[in-house]
Amino acid sequence: MPFRFYSNLFSQVSRTAASGLLLVGLLLVGFGTLIMALPALFAFLAAAVFFVAGIGCALTAAKLLWFQRRLDKSTPDDLTAYRQNVRIHVGDHHEP
């Protein structure tokens, strides 16, 4: 009885990986051809993507700064108000 180093599962996985890789390769070739044929359109699309991403980043940063400013205004500068009823006990707690 010959010993097999692979099973049908490995064969199926390699076929699936090869077909996926072929599909990705063909899509890349197709996109490359489209970019060569219509460079102005794809340059406009890339610029639009960067523009929208930039606006999103700027809005997120503005929200974070606005919330941080509101948080700084809501906390008092005098931190002793939070420590009025705090007592620090030093010593052994197990002594009777």
Protein backbone atom coordinates (compact mmCIF):
# COMPACT_ATOMS: atom_id res chain seq x y z
CA MET A 1 0.00 0.00 0.00
CA PRO A 2 1.61 3.28 -1.06
CA PHE A 3 1.78 6.11 1.47
CA ARG A 4 0.26 9.36 0.23
CA PHE A 5 1.63 12.69 1.40
CA TYR A 6 -1.50 14.53 0.37
CA SER A 7 -5.19 13.90 0.39
CA ASN A 8 -8.09 14.99 -1.76
CA LEU A 9 -8.52 17.98 0.57
CA PHE A 10 -5.04 19.32 -0.28
CA SER A 11 -5.76 18.87 -3.98
CA GLN A 12 -9.01 20.77 -3.67
CA VAL A 13 -7.37 23.59 -1.70
CA SER A 14 -4.60 23.97 -4.27
CA ARG A 15 -7.11 24.02 -7.14
CA THR A 16 -9.17 26.67 -5.35
CA ALA A 17 -6.08 28.77 -4.65
CA ALA A 18 -4.92 28.44 -8.27
CA SER A 19 -8.32 29.44 -9.67
CA GLY A 20 -8.51 32.41 -7.28
CA LEU A 21 -5.03 33.50 -8.27
CA LEU A 22 -5.95 33.21 -11.97
CA LEU A 23 -9.06 35.32 -11.42
CA VAL A 24 -7.08 38.02 -9.57
CA GLY A 25 -4.44 38.02 -12.31
CA LEU A 26 -7.01 38.43 -15.06
CA LEU A 27 -8.73 41.23 -13.14
CA LEU A 28 -5.42 43.04 -12.70
CA VAL A 29 -4.68 42.74 -16.41
CA GLY A 30 -8.15 44.07 -17.19
CA PHE A 31 -7.80 47.01 -14.84
CA GLY A 32 -4.36 47.77 -16.26
CA THR A 33 -5.80 47.79 -19.77
CA LEU A 34 -8.64 50.09 -18.71
CA ILE A 35 -6.23 52.47 -17.01
CA MET A 36 -4.07 52.59 -20.15
CA ALA A 37 -7.16 53.22 -22.31
CA LEU A 38 -8.80 55.83 -20.06
CA PRO A 39 -6.11 57.47 -17.93
CA ALA A 40 -8.02 60.73 -17.37
CA LEU A 41 -11.07 58.93 -15.99
CA PHE A 42 -9.04 56.84 -13.55
CA ALA A 43 -6.97 59.82 -12.49
CA PHE A 44 -10.21 61.66 -11.73
CA LEU A 45 -11.53 58.65 -9.75
CA ALA A 46 -8.31 58.38 -7.76
CA ALA A 47 -8.38 62.12 -7.04
CA ALA A 48 -12.01 61.83 -5.91
CA VAL A 49 -11.16 58.95 -3.56
CA PHE A 50 -8.30 60.93 -2.01
CA PHE A 51 -10.50 64.02 -1.72
CA VAL A 52 -13.29 62.14 0.06
CA ALA A 53 -10.79 60.37 2.34
CA GLY A 54 -9.19 63.72 3.18
CA ILE A 55 -12.53 65.28 4.04
CA GLY A 56 -13.37 62.28 6.23
CA CYS A 57 -10.06 62.55 8.10
CA ALA A 58 -10.46 66.29 8.57
CA LEU A 59 -14.02 65.91 9.91
CA THR A 60 -12.97 63.16 12.30
CA ALA A 61 -10.08 65.25 13.57
CA ALA A 62 -12.37 68.27 14.02
CA LYS A 63 -14.86 66.15 15.99
CA LEU A 64 -12.12 64.81 18.24
CA LEU A 65 -10.73 68.28 18.89
CA TRP A 66 -14.22 69.66 19.56
CA PHE A 67 -15.04 66.85 22.02
CA GLN A 68 -11.67 67.31 23.73
CA ARG A 69 -12.33 71.04 24.08
CA ARG A 70 -15.76 70.35 25.59
CA LEU A 71 -14.22 67.83 27.98
CA ASP A 72 -11.56 70.33 29.05
CA LYS A 73 -14.22 72.98 29.69
CA SER A 74 -16.40 70.61 31.73
CA THR A 75 -13.65 69.61 34.19
CA PRO A 76 -12.85 72.15 36.90
CA ASP A 77 -9.34 73.49 37.22
CA ASP A 78 -9.40 73.07 41.01
CA LEU A 79 -8.96 69.36 41.66
CA THR A 80 -9.29 69.72 45.46
CA ALA A 81 -13.07 69.54 45.13
CA TYR A 82 -12.77 65.86 44.37
CA ARG A 83 -10.63 65.24 47.47
CA GLN A 84 -12.72 66.83 50.23
CA ASN A 85 -13.82 63.64 51.98
CA VAL A 86 -10.75 61.51 51.33
CA ARG A 87 -8.76 60.32 54.33
CA ILE A 88 -5.52 58.44 54.05
CA HIS A 89 -4.94 55.84 56.73
CA VAL A 90 -1.40 54.62 57.24
CA GLY A 91 -0.75 51.60 59.38
CA ASP A 92 -1.53 47.97 59.80
CA HIS A 93 -5.21 47.16 59.38
CA HIS A 94 -4.93 43.82 61.22
CA GLU A 95 -4.16 45.35 64.64
CA PRO A 96 -7.00 45.21 67.20
